[in-house]
């Protein structure tokens, strides 16, 4: 978020952060280890229901397209089911993302307006009501709907490719699940980064700066910093994407096997 929202430097001045590792170093030196986790309380509170709703939405999207429970869906159908999961998660994600972004940039600007996630939510609600808390919802949808489609379609595709001939996809080994999940995360973020940059800029902008929403943000970014600015933070996102999503899908597969074991007919 700090890379995505750093201001354009004045002529002759260097950028605040020259890249991912420079941002990491400066954050660590200036704020300590806690600075690396700034603004994470809001996403952590929402992460369990968010992923529950995400996988529920994907399952529902598959069922809506199946005539019989054992019907095998095409990859475009899996993509469509994944997109539905992105719609479901936005309700939870949008306010958490708004709070996270505001808390992550305030230390870099030197201004401490919010003492924590709850204080940030209260101030946003006091200033602009529910709309203030949910600012950036359209951009969150633009990020998560296509990215979630890519996420689940890629995971199912890789699982099928990695399943040995004559074996069932449900018996895939842990290393193969980790690889499929991690790569699905990379494909997910390859789609999600441009709208994520727009979302971060829009959610952290002063009120009234972008009256036409994401169109104003897009025009400003391309005019002042070029098309490459839509991929700010690419390295940081990709470093996180593989291990985080590998763990996510492994957790899901283990949880499903456990639930099927204790309640096979549920």
C-alpha atoms as a PDB file:
ATOM      1  CA  UNK A   1       0.000   0.000   0.000  1.00  0.00           C
ATOM      2  CA  UNK A   2       2.840   2.405   0.782  1.00  0.00           C
ATOM      3  CA  UNK A   3       4.418   1.764  -2.603  1.00  0.00           C
ATOM      4  CA  UNK A   4       1.055   2.194  -4.333  1.00  0.00           C
ATOM      5  CA  UNK A   5       0.173   5.459  -2.595  1.00  0.00           C
ATOM      6  CA  UNK A   6       3.546   7.234  -2.335  1.00  0.00           C
ATOM      7  CA  UNK A   7       3.329  10.731  -3.821  1.00  0.00           C
ATOM      8  CA  UNK A   8       5.087  11.678  -7.027  1.00  0.00           C
ATOM      9  CA  UNK A   9       8.444  13.274  -6.090  1.00  0.00           C
ATOM     10  CA  UNK A  10       9.231  16.895  -6.878  1.00  0.00           C
ATOM     11  CA  UNK A  11      11.635  17.543  -9.797  1.00  0.00           C
ATOM     12  CA  UNK A  12      15.145  16.586  -8.754  1.00  0.00           C
ATOM     13  CA  UNK A  13      13.940  14.750  -5.627  1.00  0.00           C
ATOM     14  CA  UNK A  14      14.136  10.940  -5.202  1.00  0.00           C
ATOM     15  CA  UNK A  15      11.048   8.831  -4.567  1.00  0.00           C
ATOM     16  CA  UNK A  16      10.158   8.133  -0.944  1.00  0.00           C
ATOM     17  CA  UNK A  17      10.657   4.403  -1.622  1.00  0.00           C
ATOM     18  CA  UNK A  18      12.812   3.190  -4.510  1.00  0.00           C
ATOM     19  CA  UNK A  19      11.270  -0.284  -4.395  1.00  0.00           C
ATOM     20  CA  UNK A  20       9.930  -3.127  -2.255  1.00  0.00           C
ATOM     21  CA  UNK A  21      13.109  -3.809  -0.305  1.00  0.00           C
ATOM     22  CA  UNK A  22      13.845  -0.118   0.278  1.00  0.00           C
ATOM     23  CA  UNK A  23      10.314   0.279   1.651  1.00  0.00           C
ATOM     24  CA  UNK A  24      10.845  -2.789   3.865  1.00  0.00           C
ATOM     25  CA  UNK A  25      14.155  -1.424   5.202  1.00  0.00           C
ATOM     26  CA  UNK A  26      12.853   2.088   5.882  1.00  0.00           C
ATOM     27  CA  UNK A  27       9.734   0.769   7.604  1.00  0.00           C
ATOM     28  CA  UNK A  28      11.792  -1.573   9.771  1.00  0.00           C
ATOM     29  CA  UNK A  29      14.312   1.132  10.709  1.00  0.00           C
ATOM     30  CA  UNK A  30      11.713   3.842  11.315  1.00  0.00           C
ATOM     31  CA  UNK A  31       8.940   1.853  12.999  1.00  0.00           C
ATOM     32  CA  UNK A  32      10.380  -1.508  13.990  1.00  0.00           C
ATOM     33  CA  UNK A  33       8.814  -4.908  13.299  1.00  0.00           C
ATOM     34  CA  UNK A  34       5.356  -3.618  14.319  1.00  0.00           C
ATOM     35  CA  UNK A  35       5.475  -1.210  11.395  1.00  0.00           C
ATOM     36  CA  UNK A  36       5.414  -4.160   8.997  1.00  0.00           C
ATOM     37  CA  UNK A  37       2.057  -5.230  10.458  1.00  0.00           C
ATOM     38  CA  UNK A  38       0.466  -1.782  10.553  1.00  0.00           C
ATOM     39  CA  UNK A  39      -3.271  -1.894   9.892  1.00  0.00           C
ATOM     40  CA  UNK A  40      -3.537  -5.673  10.013  1.00  0.00           C
ATOM     41  CA  UNK A  41      -6.064  -5.920  12.858  1.00  0.00           C
ATOM     42  CA  UNK A  42      -9.025  -5.106  10.597  1.00  0.00           C
ATOM     43  CA  UNK A  43      -8.171  -7.712   7.910  1.00  0.00           C
ATOM     44  CA  UNK A  44      -7.391 -10.340  10.581  1.00  0.00           C
ATOM     45  CA  UNK A  45     -10.814  -9.857  12.177  1.00  0.00           C
ATOM     46  CA  UNK A  46     -12.455 -10.276   8.769  1.00  0.00           C
ATOM     47  CA  UNK A  47     -10.236 -12.987   7.265  1.00  0.00           C
ATOM     48  CA  UNK A  48     -12.048 -16.029   8.714  1.00  0.00           C
ATOM     49  CA  UNK A  49     -15.588 -15.016   7.674  1.00  0.00           C
ATOM     50  CA  UNK A  50     -14.198 -13.636   4.408  1.00  0.00           C
ATOM     51  CA  UNK A  51     -12.651 -16.946   3.344  1.00  0.00           C
ATOM     52  CA  UNK A  52     -15.680 -18.867   4.607  1.00  0.00           C
ATOM     53  CA  UNK A  53     -17.914 -16.685   2.418  1.00  0.00           C
ATOM     54  CA  UNK A  54     -15.393 -16.873  -0.449  1.00  0.00           C
ATOM     55  CA  UNK A  55     -15.392 -20.674  -0.632  1.00  0.00           C
ATOM     56  CA  UNK A  56     -19.141 -20.783   0.010  1.00  0.00           C
ATOM     57  CA  UNK A  57     -19.674 -18.410  -2.928  1.00  0.00           C
ATOM     58  CA  UNK A  58     -17.500 -20.593  -5.167  1.00  0.00           C
ATOM     59  CA  UNK A  59     -19.399 -23.712  -4.146  1.00  0.00           C
ATOM     60  CA  UNK A  60     -22.723 -21.975  -4.731  1.00  0.00           C
ATOM     61  CA  UNK A  61     -21.546 -20.737  -8.130  1.00  0.00           C
ATOM     62  CA  UNK A  62     -20.682 -24.313  -9.119  1.00  0.00           C
ATOM     63  CA  UNK A  63     -24.012 -25.712  -7.925  1.00  0.00           C
ATOM     64  CA  UNK A  64     -25.992 -23.082  -9.823  1.00  0.00           C
ATOM     65  CA  UNK A  65     -24.377 -24.283 -13.057  1.00  0.00           C
ATOM     66  CA  UNK A  66     -24.687 -28.019 -12.424  1.00  0.00           C
ATOM     67  CA  UNK A  67     -27.736 -29.974 -13.558  1.00  0.00           C
ATOM     68  CA  UNK A  68     -26.610 -32.919 -11.428  1.00  0.00           C
ATOM     69  CA  UNK A  69     -24.282 -32.848  -8.364  1.00  0.00           C
ATOM     70  CA  UNK A  70     -21.599 -34.889 -10.141  1.00  0.00           C
ATOM     71  CA  UNK A  71     -21.527 -32.764 -13.316  1.00  0.00           C
ATOM     72  CA  UNK A  72     -17.982 -31.698 -14.285  1.00  0.00           C
ATOM     73  CA  UNK A  73     -17.814 -27.982 -15.045  1.00  0.00           C
ATOM     74  CA  UNK A  74     -15.807 -26.409 -17.857  1.00  0.00           C
ATOM     75  CA  UNK A  75     -13.060 -23.925 -17.020  1.00  0.00           C
ATOM     76  CA  UNK A  76     -15.184 -20.910 -18.083  1.00  0.00           C
ATOM     77  CA  UNK A  77     -17.905 -22.185 -15.725  1.00  0.00           C
ATOM     78  CA  UNK A  78     -15.360 -22.470 -12.901  1.00  0.00           C
ATOM     79  CA  UNK A  79     -14.246 -18.912 -13.704  1.00  0.00           C
ATOM     80  CA  UNK A  80     -17.867 -17.730 -13.426  1.00  0.00           C
ATOM     81  CA  UNK A  81     -18.290 -19.539 -10.087  1.00  0.00           C
ATOM     82  CA  UNK A  82     -15.115 -17.891  -8.826  1.00  0.00           C
ATOM     83  CA  UNK A  83     -16.413 -14.462  -9.864  1.00  0.00           C
ATOM     84  CA  UNK A  84     -19.523 -15.020  -7.737  1.00  0.00           C
ATOM     85  CA  UNK A  85     -17.303 -15.643  -4.712  1.00  0.00           C
ATOM     86  CA  UNK A  86     -15.663 -12.245  -5.341  1.00  0.00           C
ATOM     87  CA  UNK A  87     -19.066 -10.543  -5.135  1.00  0.00           C
ATOM     88  CA  UNK A  88     -19.770 -12.241  -1.802  1.00  0.00           C
ATOM     89  CA  UNK A  89     -16.455 -11.297  -0.181  1.00  0.00           C
ATOM     90  CA  UNK A  90     -16.593  -7.600  -1.111  1.00  0.00           C
ATOM     91  CA  UNK A  91     -19.156  -6.896   1.625  1.00  0.00           C
ATOM     92  CA  UNK A  92     -16.564  -7.956   4.209  1.00  0.00           C
ATOM     93  CA  UNK A  93     -13.421  -6.872   2.370  1.00  0.00           C
ATOM     94  CA  UNK A  94     -14.257  -3.270   1.440  1.00  0.00           C
ATOM     95  CA  UNK A  95     -14.353  -1.690   4.935  1.00  0.00           C
ATOM     96  CA  UNK A  96     -11.385  -3.745   6.140  1.00  0.00           C
ATOM     97  CA  UNK A  97      -9.329  -2.664   3.127  1.00  0.00           C
ATOM     98  CA  UNK A  98     -10.287   0.983   3.645  1.00  0.00           C
ATOM     99  CA  UNK A  99      -9.192   0.913   7.303  1.00  0.00           C
ATOM    100  CA  UNK A 100      -6.014  -1.055   6.554  1.00  0.00           C
ATOM    101  CA  UNK A 101      -4.890   1.347   3.834  1.00  0.00           C
ATOM    102  CA  UNK A 102      -5.466   4.457   5.962  1.00  0.00           C
ATOM    103  CA  UNK A 103      -3.558   2.994   8.912  1.00  0.00           C
ATOM    104  CA  UNK A 104      -0.672   1.800   6.739  1.00  0.00           C
ATOM    105  CA  UNK A 105       0.014   5.161   5.123  1.00  0.00           C
ATOM    106  CA  UNK A 106      -0.400   7.437   8.145  1.00  0.00           C
ATOM    107  CA  UNK A 107       2.968   6.466   9.673  1.00  0.00           C
ATOM    108  CA  UNK A 108       4.704   7.199   6.364  1.00  0.00           C
ATOM    109  CA  UNK A 109       3.140  10.670   6.201  1.00  0.00           C
ATOM    110  CA  UNK A 110       4.140  11.481   9.781  1.00  0.00           C
ATOM    111  CA  UNK A 111       0.539  12.219  10.771  1.00  0.00           C
ATOM    112  CA  UNK A 112      -1.218  10.099  13.391  1.00  0.00           C
ATOM    113  CA  UNK A 113      -4.906  10.711  12.863  1.00  0.00           C
ATOM    114  CA  UNK A 114      -6.147   7.267  13.891  1.00  0.00           C
ATOM    115  CA  UNK A 115      -5.064   5.437  17.033  1.00  0.00           C
ATOM    116  CA  UNK A 116      -6.188   2.046  15.706  1.00  0.00           C
ATOM    117  CA  UNK A 117      -8.761   0.187  13.580  1.00  0.00           C
ATOM    118  CA  UNK A 118     -11.756   0.930  15.810  1.00  0.00           C
ATOM    119  CA  UNK A 119     -10.868   4.600  16.089  1.00  0.00           C
ATOM    120  CA  UNK A 120     -10.435   4.747  12.303  1.00  0.00           C
ATOM    121  CA  UNK A 121     -13.854   3.131  11.726  1.00  0.00           C
ATOM    122  CA  UNK A 122     -15.528   5.497  14.217  1.00  0.00           C
ATOM    123  CA  UNK A 123     -13.993   8.602  12.642  1.00  0.00           C
ATOM    124  CA  UNK A 124     -14.897   7.470   9.115  1.00  0.00           C
ATOM    125  CA  UNK A 125     -18.487   6.807  10.180  1.00  0.00           C
ATOM    126  CA  UNK A 126     -18.683  10.147  12.009  1.00  0.00           C
ATOM    127  CA  UNK A 127     -17.379  12.042   8.981  1.00  0.00           C
ATOM    128  CA  UNK A 128     -19.356  10.383   6.165  1.00  0.00           C
ATOM    129  CA  UNK A 129     -21.547   7.612   7.574  1.00  0.00           C
ATOM    130  CA  UNK A 130     -21.586   4.122   6.069  1.00  0.00           C
ATOM    131  CA  UNK A 131     -20.447   5.516   2.704  1.00  0.00           C
ATOM    132  CA  UNK A 132     -17.221   6.685   4.323  1.00  0.00           C
ATOM    133  CA  UNK A 133     -16.485   3.218   5.689  1.00  0.00           C
ATOM    134  CA  UNK A 134     -17.332   1.541   2.368  1.00  0.00           C
ATOM    135  CA  UNK A 135     -15.475   4.025   0.153  1.00  0.00           C
ATOM    136  CA  UNK A 136     -13.827   2.094  -2.678  1.00  0.00           C
ATOM    137  CA  UNK A 137     -16.391  -0.721  -2.801  1.00  0.00           C
ATOM    138  CA  UNK A 138     -16.777  -0.510  -6.595  1.00  0.00           C
ATOM    139  CA  UNK A 139     -13.004  -0.764  -7.025  1.00  0.00           C
ATOM    140  CA  UNK A 140     -12.892  -3.680  -4.577  1.00  0.00           C
ATOM    141  CA  UNK A 141     -15.490  -5.413  -6.770  1.00  0.00           C
ATOM    142  CA  UNK A 142     -13.483  -4.582  -9.898  1.00  0.00           C
ATOM    143  CA  UNK A 143     -10.454  -6.182  -8.260  1.00  0.00           C
ATOM    144  CA  UNK A 144     -11.988  -9.224  -6.588  1.00  0.00           C
ATOM    145  CA  UNK A 145     -14.607 -10.402  -9.109  1.00  0.00           C
ATOM    146  CA  UNK A 146     -12.276 -11.152 -12.076  1.00  0.00           C
ATOM    147  CA  UNK A 147      -9.337 -12.022  -9.799  1.00  0.00           C
ATOM    148  CA  UNK A 148     -11.410 -14.574  -7.851  1.00  0.00           C
ATOM    149  CA  UNK A 149     -12.553 -16.113 -11.127  1.00  0.00           C
ATOM    150  CA  UNK A 150      -8.923 -16.511 -12.176  1.00  0.00           C
ATOM    151  CA  UNK A 151      -7.991 -17.748  -8.678  1.00  0.00           C
ATOM    152  CA  UNK A 152     -10.380 -20.696  -8.530  1.00  0.00           C
ATOM    153  CA  UNK A 153     -10.189 -21.607 -12.215  1.00  0.00           C
ATOM    154  CA  UNK A 154      -6.377 -21.746 -12.065  1.00  0.00           C
ATOM    155  CA  UNK A 155      -6.433 -23.841  -8.886  1.00  0.00           C
ATOM    156  CA  UNK A 156      -8.858 -26.405 -10.359  1.00  0.00           C
ATOM    157  CA  UNK A 157      -6.902 -26.484 -13.636  1.00  0.00           C
ATOM    158  CA  UNK A 158      -3.586 -27.076 -11.860  1.00  0.00           C
ATOM    159  CA  UNK A 159      -5.088 -29.751  -9.624  1.00  0.00           C
ATOM    160  CA  UNK A 160      -6.264 -31.632 -12.712  1.00  0.00           C
ATOM    161  CA  UNK A 161      -2.858 -31.304 -14.394  1.00  0.00           C
ATOM    162  CA  UNK A 162      -0.962 -32.407 -11.267  1.00  0.00           C
ATOM    163  CA  UNK A 163      -3.158 -35.436 -10.548  1.00  0.00           C
ATOM    164  CA  UNK A 164      -1.337 -38.618 -11.680  1.00  0.00           C
ATOM    165  CA  UNK A 165      -3.122 -40.734 -14.270  1.00  0.00           C
ATOM    166  CA  UNK A 166      -5.530 -43.180 -12.682  1.00  0.00           C
ATOM    167  CA  UNK A 167      -5.648 -41.229  -9.403  1.00  0.00           C
ATOM    168  CA  UNK A 168      -8.465 -39.109  -7.976  1.00  0.00           C
ATOM    169  CA  UNK A 169      -7.974 -35.357  -7.726  1.00  0.00           C
ATOM    170  CA  UNK A 170      -9.096 -35.494  -4.075  1.00  0.00           C
ATOM    171  CA  UNK A 171      -6.020 -37.622  -3.245  1.00  0.00           C
ATOM    172  CA  UNK A 172      -3.512 -34.976  -4.367  1.00  0.00           C
ATOM    173  CA  UNK A 173      -0.387 -34.824  -2.199  1.00  0.00           C
ATOM    174  CA  UNK A 174       0.364 -31.890   0.119  1.00  0.00           C
ATOM    175  CA  UNK A 175       3.302 -30.530  -1.974  1.00  0.00           C
ATOM    176  CA  UNK A 176       1.110 -30.543  -5.103  1.00  0.00           C
ATOM    177  CA  UNK A 177      -1.742 -28.788  -3.293  1.00  0.00           C
ATOM    178  CA  UNK A 178       0.728 -26.171  -2.032  1.00  0.00           C
ATOM    179  CA  UNK A 179       2.121 -25.664  -5.543  1.00  0.00           C
ATOM    180  CA  UNK A 180      -1.344 -25.388  -7.135  1.00  0.00           C
ATOM    181  CA  UNK A 181      -2.573 -22.994  -4.428  1.00  0.00           C
ATOM    182  CA  UNK A 182       0.532 -20.823  -4.573  1.00  0.00           C
ATOM    183  CA  UNK A 183       0.451 -20.536  -8.345  1.00  0.00           C
ATOM    184  CA  UNK A 184      -3.291 -19.777  -8.239  1.00  0.00           C
ATOM    185  CA  UNK A 185      -2.446 -16.880  -5.905  1.00  0.00           C
ATOM    186  CA  UNK A 186       0.075 -15.515  -8.408  1.00  0.00           C
ATOM    187  CA  UNK A 187      -2.469 -15.697 -11.252  1.00  0.00           C
ATOM    188  CA  UNK A 188      -5.046 -14.059  -8.982  1.00  0.00           C
ATOM    189  CA  UNK A 189      -2.805 -11.078  -8.233  1.00  0.00           C
ATOM    190  CA  UNK A 190      -1.609 -10.734 -11.818  1.00  0.00           C
ATOM    191  CA  UNK A 191      -5.230  -9.806 -12.586  1.00  0.00           C
ATOM    192  CA  UNK A 192      -5.872  -7.912  -9.335  1.00  0.00           C
ATOM    193  CA  UNK A 193      -2.894  -5.519  -9.129  1.00  0.00           C
ATOM    194  CA  UNK A 194      -4.100  -2.683 -11.447  1.00  0.00           C
ATOM    195  CA  UNK A 195      -7.515  -2.274  -9.754  1.00  0.00           C
ATOM    196  CA  UNK A 196      -5.804  -2.745  -6.368  1.00  0.00           C
ATOM    197  CA  UNK A 197      -3.514   0.224  -7.089  1.00  0.00           C
ATOM    198  CA  UNK A 198      -6.538   2.340  -8.083  1.00  0.00           C
ATOM    199  CA  UNK A 199      -8.389   1.193  -4.967  1.00  0.00           C
ATOM    200  CA  UNK A 200      -5.520   2.065  -2.618  1.00  0.00           C
ATOM    201  CA  UNK A 201      -5.161   5.535  -4.159  1.00  0.00           C
ATOM    202  CA  UNK A 202      -8.901   6.189  -4.040  1.00  0.00           C
ATOM    203  CA  UNK A 203      -9.399   4.887  -0.489  1.00  0.00           C
ATOM    204  CA  UNK A 204      -6.563   6.978   0.936  1.00  0.00           C
ATOM    205  CA  UNK A 205      -7.311  10.202  -0.986  1.00  0.00           C
ATOM    206  CA  UNK A 206      -8.747  13.266   0.815  1.00  0.00           C
ATOM    207  CA  UNK A 207     -12.545  13.657   0.500  1.00  0.00           C
ATOM    208  CA  UNK A 208     -13.567  15.177  -2.827  1.00  0.00           C
ATOM    209  CA  UNK A 209     -10.216  14.663  -4.578  1.00  0.00           C
ATOM    210  CA  UNK A 210     -11.651  12.226  -7.122  1.00  0.00           C
ATOM    211  CA  UNK A 211     -15.277  13.265  -7.752  1.00  0.00           C
ATOM    212  CA  UNK A 212     -15.684  10.823 -10.665  1.00  0.00           C
ATOM    213  CA  UNK A 213     -14.281   7.880  -8.755  1.00  0.00           C
ATOM    214  CA  UNK A 214     -11.812   5.445 -10.264  1.00  0.00           C
ATOM    215  CA  UNK A 215     -11.885   7.189 -13.668  1.00  0.00           C
ATOM    216  CA  UNK A 216     -10.233  10.257 -12.126  1.00  0.00           C
ATOM    217  CA  UNK A 217      -7.661   8.084 -10.343  1.00  0.00           C
ATOM    218  CA  UNK A 218      -6.874   6.197 -13.556  1.00  0.00           C
ATOM    219  CA  UNK A 219      -6.501   9.389 -15.597  1.00  0.00           C
ATOM    220  CA  UNK A 220      -4.234  10.990 -12.998  1.00  0.00           C
ATOM    221  CA  UNK A 221      -1.999   7.927 -12.652  1.00  0.00           C
ATOM    222  CA  UNK A 222      -1.528   7.400 -16.388  1.00  0.00           C
ATOM    223  CA  UNK A 223      -1.037  11.121 -17.068  1.00  0.00           C
ATOM    224  CA  UNK A 224       1.532  11.657 -14.319  1.00  0.00           C
ATOM    225  CA  UNK A 225       3.263   8.296 -13.932  1.00  0.00           C
ATOM    226  CA  UNK A 226       2.440   6.201 -17.002  1.00  0.00           C
ATOM    227  CA  UNK A 227       0.838   2.791 -17.444  1.00  0.00           C
ATOM    228  CA  UNK A 228       3.595   1.117 -15.381  1.00  0.00           C
ATOM    229  CA  UNK A 229       2.213   2.863 -12.264  1.00  0.00           C
ATOM    230  CA  UNK A 230      -0.746   0.440 -12.364  1.00  0.00           C
ATOM    231  CA  UNK A 231       1.695  -2.287 -11.304  1.00  0.00           C
ATOM    232  CA  UNK A 232       3.206  -0.491  -8.327  1.00  0.00           C
ATOM    233  CA  UNK A 233       3.954  -2.918  -5.516  1.00  0.00           C
ATOM    234  CA  UNK A 234       4.141  -5.885  -7.930  1.00  0.00           C
ATOM    235  CA  UNK A 235       7.210  -7.409  -6.256  1.00  0.00           C
ATOM    236  CA  UNK A 236       5.779  -7.087  -2.742  1.00  0.00           C
ATOM    237  CA  UNK A 237       2.471  -8.638  -3.797  1.00  0.00           C
ATOM    238  CA  UNK A 238       4.119 -11.577  -5.572  1.00  0.00           C
ATOM    239  CA  UNK A 239       6.435 -12.318  -2.637  1.00  0.00           C
ATOM    240  CA  UNK A 240       3.317 -12.670  -0.492  1.00  0.00           C
ATOM    241  CA  UNK A 241       1.030 -14.331  -3.055  1.00  0.00           C
ATOM    242  CA  UNK A 242       2.621 -17.772  -3.363  1.00  0.00           C
ATOM    243  CA  UNK A 243       3.076 -18.785   0.316  1.00  0.00           C
ATOM    244  CA  UNK A 244      -0.129 -17.126   1.525  1.00  0.00           C
ATOM    245  CA  UNK A 245      -2.368 -18.806  -1.043  1.00  0.00           C
ATOM    246  CA  UNK A 246      -0.554 -22.134  -0.869  1.00  0.00           C
ATOM    247  CA  UNK A 247      -1.357 -22.156   2.861  1.00  0.00           C
ATOM    248  CA  UNK A 248      -4.941 -21.024   2.203  1.00  0.00           C
ATOM    249  CA  UNK A 249      -5.795 -23.865  -0.176  1.00  0.00           C
ATOM    250  CA  UNK A 250      -3.989 -26.456   1.955  1.00  0.00           C
ATOM    251  CA  UNK A 251      -6.034 -25.304   4.947  1.00  0.00           C
ATOM    252  CA  UNK A 252      -9.225 -25.574   2.906  1.00  0.00           C
ATOM    253  CA  UNK A 253      -8.447 -29.078   1.639  1.00  0.00           C
ATOM    254  CA  UNK A 254      -7.490 -30.327   5.132  1.00  0.00           C
ATOM    255  CA  UNK A 255     -10.605 -28.746   6.659  1.00  0.00           C
ATOM    256  CA  UNK A 256     -12.876 -30.353   4.038  1.00  0.00           C
ATOM    257  CA  UNK A 257     -11.329 -33.796   4.582  1.00  0.00           C
ATOM    258  CA  UNK A 258     -11.738 -33.407   8.338  1.00  0.00           C
ATOM    259  CA  UNK A 259     -15.376 -32.292   8.021  1.00  0.00           C
ATOM    260  CA  UNK A 260     -16.151 -35.144   5.605  1.00  0.00           C
ATOM    261  CA  UNK A 261     -14.599 -37.546   8.099  1.00  0.00           C
ATOM    262  CA  UNK A 262     -16.562 -36.370  11.162  1.00  0.00           C
ATOM    263  CA  UNK A 263     -19.830 -35.695   9.268  1.00  0.00           C
ATOM    264  CA  UNK A 264     -19.767 -37.655   5.983  1.00  0.00           C
ATOM    265  CA  UNK A 265     -23.449 -37.164   5.209  1.00  0.00           C
ATOM    266  CA  UNK A 266     -23.684 -33.438   6.030  1.00  0.00           C
END
